């Protein structure tokens, strides 16, 4: 019984990769996955950037109008 346990532990320790081996495997697998990525073109990136800037401006103006309206409502209620 003890011999089987010792043999099983020895086999497990030999098959278990070291921390360095795991790290190397991780980076190799990451490299493979990065090659699978479809990167956006320059035109797509610029278009998306412009859309984000416009959306930020529109939302900030909307929030400013709401803030101004609530500010006036509070002033009217307090005075």
N, C-alpha and C. Protein backbone atom coordinates (compact mmCIF):
# COMPACT_ATOMS: atom_id res chain seq x y z
N UNK A 1 0.82 -1.18 0.00
CA UNK A 1 0.00 0.00 0.00
C UNK A 1 0.87 1.25 0.00
N UNK A 2 1.89 1.24 0.86
CA UNK A 2 2.77 2.41 0.95
C UNK A 2 3.57 2.58 -0.33
N UNK A 3 3.91 1.46 -0.98
CA UNK A 3 4.68 1.54 -2.21
C UNK A 3 3.87 2.21 -3.32
N UNK A 4 2.58 1.90 -3.39
CA UNK A 4 1.73 2.51 -4.40
C UNK A 4 1.60 4.01 -4.17
N UNK A 5 1.46 4.40 -2.93
CA UNK A 5 1.33 5.81 -2.60
C UNK A 5 2.62 6.55 -2.94
N UNK A 6 3.76 5.97 -2.62
CA UNK A 6 5.04 6.60 -2.92
C UNK A 6 5.24 6.71 -4.42
N UNK A 7 4.85 5.66 -5.15
CA UNK A 7 4.99 5.70 -6.61
C UNK A 7 4.05 6.75 -7.21
N UNK A 8 2.84 6.84 -6.69
CA UNK A 8 1.88 7.81 -7.19
C UNK A 8 2.37 9.23 -6.94
N UNK A 9 2.95 9.46 -5.76
CA UNK A 9 3.46 10.79 -5.44
C UNK A 9 4.65 11.13 -6.32
N UNK A 10 5.51 10.17 -6.58
CA UNK A 10 6.68 10.40 -7.43
C UNK A 10 6.24 10.73 -8.86
N UNK A 11 5.25 10.00 -9.35
CA UNK A 11 4.75 10.25 -10.70
C UNK A 11 4.08 11.61 -10.78
N UNK A 12 3.35 11.98 -9.75
CA UNK A 12 2.67 13.27 -9.74
C UNK A 12 3.67 14.42 -9.69
N UNK A 13 4.73 14.25 -8.92
CA UNK A 13 5.72 15.33 -8.82
C UNK A 13 6.51 15.48 -10.11
N UNK A 14 6.71 14.38 -10.83
CA UNK A 14 7.44 14.46 -12.09
C UNK A 14 6.58 15.07 -13.18
N UNK A 15 5.28 14.82 -13.17
CA UNK A 15 4.42 15.32 -14.23
C UNK A 15 3.94 16.75 -13.97
N UNK A 16 4.02 17.21 -12.75
CA UNK A 16 3.57 18.56 -12.43
C UNK A 16 4.63 19.55 -12.91
N UNK A 17 4.24 20.50 -13.77
CA UNK A 17 5.22 21.47 -14.27
C UNK A 17 5.61 22.45 -13.18
N UNK A 18 6.81 22.96 -13.30
CA UNK A 18 7.29 23.93 -12.31
C UNK A 18 6.61 25.27 -12.55
N UNK A 19 6.78 26.18 -11.62
CA UNK A 19 6.18 27.51 -11.75
C UNK A 19 6.76 28.23 -12.97
N UNK A 20 8.06 28.07 -13.20
CA UNK A 20 8.69 28.69 -14.36
C UNK A 20 8.13 28.10 -15.65
N UNK A 21 7.93 26.79 -15.67
CA UNK A 21 7.36 26.14 -16.84
C UNK A 21 5.93 26.61 -17.10
N UNK A 22 5.17 26.80 -16.04
CA UNK A 22 3.80 27.31 -16.19
C UNK A 22 3.81 28.72 -16.74
N UNK A 23 4.75 29.53 -16.28
CA UNK A 23 4.85 30.92 -16.75
C UNK A 23 5.22 30.96 -18.23
N UNK A 24 6.15 30.12 -18.63
CA UNK A 24 6.55 30.05 -20.04
C UNK A 24 5.38 29.59 -20.89
N UNK A 25 4.64 28.58 -20.43
CA UNK A 25 3.46 28.11 -21.15
C UNK A 25 2.42 29.22 -21.29
N UNK A 26 2.23 29.97 -20.22
CA UNK A 26 1.25 31.06 -20.25
C UNK A 26 1.61 32.08 -21.34
N UNK A 27 2.88 32.49 -21.38
CA UNK A 27 3.30 33.48 -22.37
C UNK A 27 3.23 32.92 -23.79
N UNK A 28 3.56 31.66 -23.96
CA UNK A 28 3.46 31.06 -25.29
C UNK A 28 2.00 31.00 -25.76
N UNK A 29 1.10 30.62 -24.87
CA UNK A 29 -0.32 30.57 -25.21
C UNK A 29 -0.87 31.97 -25.46
N UNK A 30 -0.41 32.95 -24.71
CA UNK A 30 -0.84 34.33 -24.92
C UNK A 30 -0.40 34.83 -26.29
N UNK A 31 0.81 34.48 -26.68
CA UNK A 31 1.34 34.87 -27.98
C UNK A 31 0.48 34.30 -29.11
N UNK A 32 0.06 33.05 -28.97
CA UNK A 32 -0.78 32.41 -29.97
C UNK A 32 -2.13 33.11 -30.05
N UNK A 33 -2.70 33.45 -28.90
CA UNK A 33 -4.00 34.12 -28.88
C UNK A 33 -3.93 35.52 -29.48
N UNK A 34 -2.85 36.25 -29.23
CA UNK A 34 -2.69 37.59 -29.78
C UNK A 34 -2.65 37.54 -31.31
N UNK A 35 -2.07 36.49 -31.86
CA UNK A 35 -2.02 36.36 -33.32
C UNK A 35 -3.40 36.14 -33.92
N UNK A 36 -4.35 35.66 -33.12
CA UNK A 36 -5.71 35.41 -33.61
C UNK A 36 -6.56 36.67 -33.63
N UNK A 37 -6.12 37.73 -32.96
CA UNK A 37 -6.91 38.95 -32.83
C UNK A 37 -6.99 39.67 -34.17
N UNK A 38 -8.18 40.15 -34.50
CA UNK A 38 -8.37 40.98 -35.68
C UNK A 38 -8.32 42.44 -35.22
N UNK A 39 -7.26 43.12 -35.57
CA UNK A 39 -7.07 44.50 -35.12
C UNK A 39 -7.83 45.44 -36.03
N UNK A 40 -8.39 46.54 -35.48
CA UNK A 40 -9.13 47.50 -36.32
C UNK A 40 -8.18 48.27 -37.23
N UNK A 41 -8.73 48.71 -38.35
CA UNK A 41 -7.93 49.53 -39.27
C UNK A 41 -7.82 50.94 -38.71
N UNK A 42 -6.96 51.73 -39.32
CA UNK A 42 -6.79 53.12 -38.89
C UNK A 42 -8.10 53.89 -39.06
N UNK A 43 -8.79 53.65 -40.16
CA UNK A 43 -10.05 54.35 -40.43
C UNK A 43 -11.10 53.99 -39.37
N UNK A 44 -11.20 52.71 -39.02
CA UNK A 44 -12.16 52.29 -37.99
C UNK A 44 -11.83 52.93 -36.64
N UNK A 45 -10.55 53.01 -36.32
CA UNK A 45 -10.13 53.59 -35.05
C UNK A 45 -10.48 55.07 -34.99
N UNK A 46 -10.22 55.80 -36.07
CA UNK A 46 -10.52 57.24 -36.10
C UNK A 46 -12.03 57.46 -36.03
N UNK A 47 -12.80 56.66 -36.77
CA UNK A 47 -14.26 56.79 -36.75
C UNK A 47 -14.81 56.54 -35.34
N UNK A 48 -14.33 55.52 -34.70
CA UNK A 48 -14.78 55.20 -33.34
C UNK A 48 -14.40 56.30 -32.37
N UNK A 49 -13.20 56.83 -32.51
CA UNK A 49 -12.73 57.91 -31.63
C UNK A 49 -13.62 59.15 -31.78
N UNK A 50 -13.93 59.50 -33.01
CA UNK A 50 -14.80 60.66 -33.25
C UNK A 50 -16.18 60.42 -32.66
N UNK A 51 -16.72 59.23 -32.83
CA UNK A 51 -18.04 58.91 -32.27
C UNK A 51 -18.03 59.03 -30.75
N UNK A 52 -16.97 58.59 -30.11
CA UNK A 52 -16.87 58.67 -28.65
C UNK A 52 -16.81 60.13 -28.20
N UNK A 53 -16.01 60.94 -28.88
CA UNK A 53 -15.88 62.36 -28.51
C UNK A 53 -17.22 63.07 -28.67
N UNK A 54 -17.91 62.82 -29.78
CA UNK A 54 -19.22 63.45 -30.00
C UNK A 54 -20.21 63.01 -28.94
N UNK A 55 -20.23 61.74 -28.62
CA UNK A 55 -21.15 61.23 -27.60
C UNK A 55 -20.86 61.84 -26.23
N UNK A 56 -19.60 61.99 -25.89
CA UNK A 56 -19.23 62.61 -24.62
C UNK A 56 -19.71 64.05 -24.57
N UNK A 57 -19.56 64.78 -25.66
CA UNK A 57 -20.02 66.18 -25.70
C UNK A 57 -21.53 66.25 -25.56
N UNK A 58 -22.25 65.40 -26.28
CA UNK A 58 -23.72 65.41 -26.22
C UNK A 58 -24.20 65.07 -24.82
N UNK A 59 -23.65 64.05 -24.20
CA UNK A 59 -24.08 63.65 -22.86
C UNK A 59 -23.73 64.72 -21.84
N UNK A 60 -22.57 65.35 -21.98
CA UNK A 60 -22.20 66.40 -21.02
C UNK A 60 -23.12 67.60 -21.15
N UNK A 61 -23.51 67.97 -22.38
CA UNK A 61 -24.45 69.07 -22.56
C UNK A 61 -25.83 68.71 -21.98
N UNK A 62 -26.26 67.49 -22.20
CA UNK A 62 -27.54 67.03 -21.66
C UNK A 62 -27.53 67.11 -20.13
N UNK A 63 -26.46 66.62 -19.52
CA UNK A 63 -26.37 66.65 -18.06
C UNK A 63 -26.30 68.08 -17.54
N UNK A 64 -25.65 68.98 -18.28
CA UNK A 64 -25.57 70.38 -17.86
C UNK A 64 -26.96 71.01 -17.88
N UNK A 65 -27.75 70.72 -18.90
CA UNK A 65 -29.11 71.26 -18.98
C UNK A 65 -29.95 70.73 -17.82
N UNK A 66 -29.87 69.45 -17.53
CA UNK A 66 -30.60 68.86 -16.41
C UNK A 66 -30.16 69.50 -15.10
N UNK A 67 -28.86 69.67 -14.92
CA UNK A 67 -28.31 70.27 -13.71
C UNK A 67 -28.81 71.71 -13.55
N UNK A 68 -28.80 72.45 -14.64
CA UNK A 68 -29.27 73.84 -14.60
C UNK A 68 -30.76 73.88 -14.23
N UNK A 69 -31.56 73.00 -14.83
CA UNK A 69 -32.98 72.96 -14.53
C UNK A 69 -33.25 72.62 -13.07
N UNK A 70 -32.56 71.64 -12.53
CA UNK A 70 -32.74 71.27 -11.13
C UNK A 70 -32.26 72.38 -10.20
N UNK A 71 -31.18 73.06 -10.59
CA UNK A 71 -30.67 74.17 -9.79
C UNK A 71 -31.71 75.28 -9.70
N UNK A 72 -32.31 75.61 -10.83
CA UNK A 72 -33.34 76.65 -10.84
C UNK A 72 -34.57 76.22 -10.04
N UNK A 73 -34.93 74.96 -10.12
CA UNK A 73 -36.07 74.45 -9.36
C UNK A 73 -35.82 74.58 -7.86
N UNK A 74 -34.63 74.23 -7.41
CA UNK A 74 -34.29 74.33 -5.99
C UNK A 74 -34.28 75.79 -5.56
N UNK A 75 -33.73 76.67 -6.38
CA UNK A 75 -33.73 78.11 -6.05
C UNK A 75 -35.17 78.63 -5.91
N UNK A 76 -36.03 78.22 -6.85
CA UNK A 76 -37.42 78.67 -6.82
C UNK A 76 -38.13 78.17 -5.56
N UNK A 77 -37.82 76.91 -5.16
CA UNK A 77 -38.48 76.34 -3.99
C UNK A 77 -37.99 76.97 -2.69
N UNK A 78 -36.72 77.39 -2.64
CA UNK A 78 -36.16 77.92 -1.41
C UNK A 78 -36.41 79.41 -1.23
N UNK A 79 -36.59 80.16 -2.29
CA UNK A 79 -36.74 81.62 -2.15
C UNK A 79 -38.12 82.08 -2.47
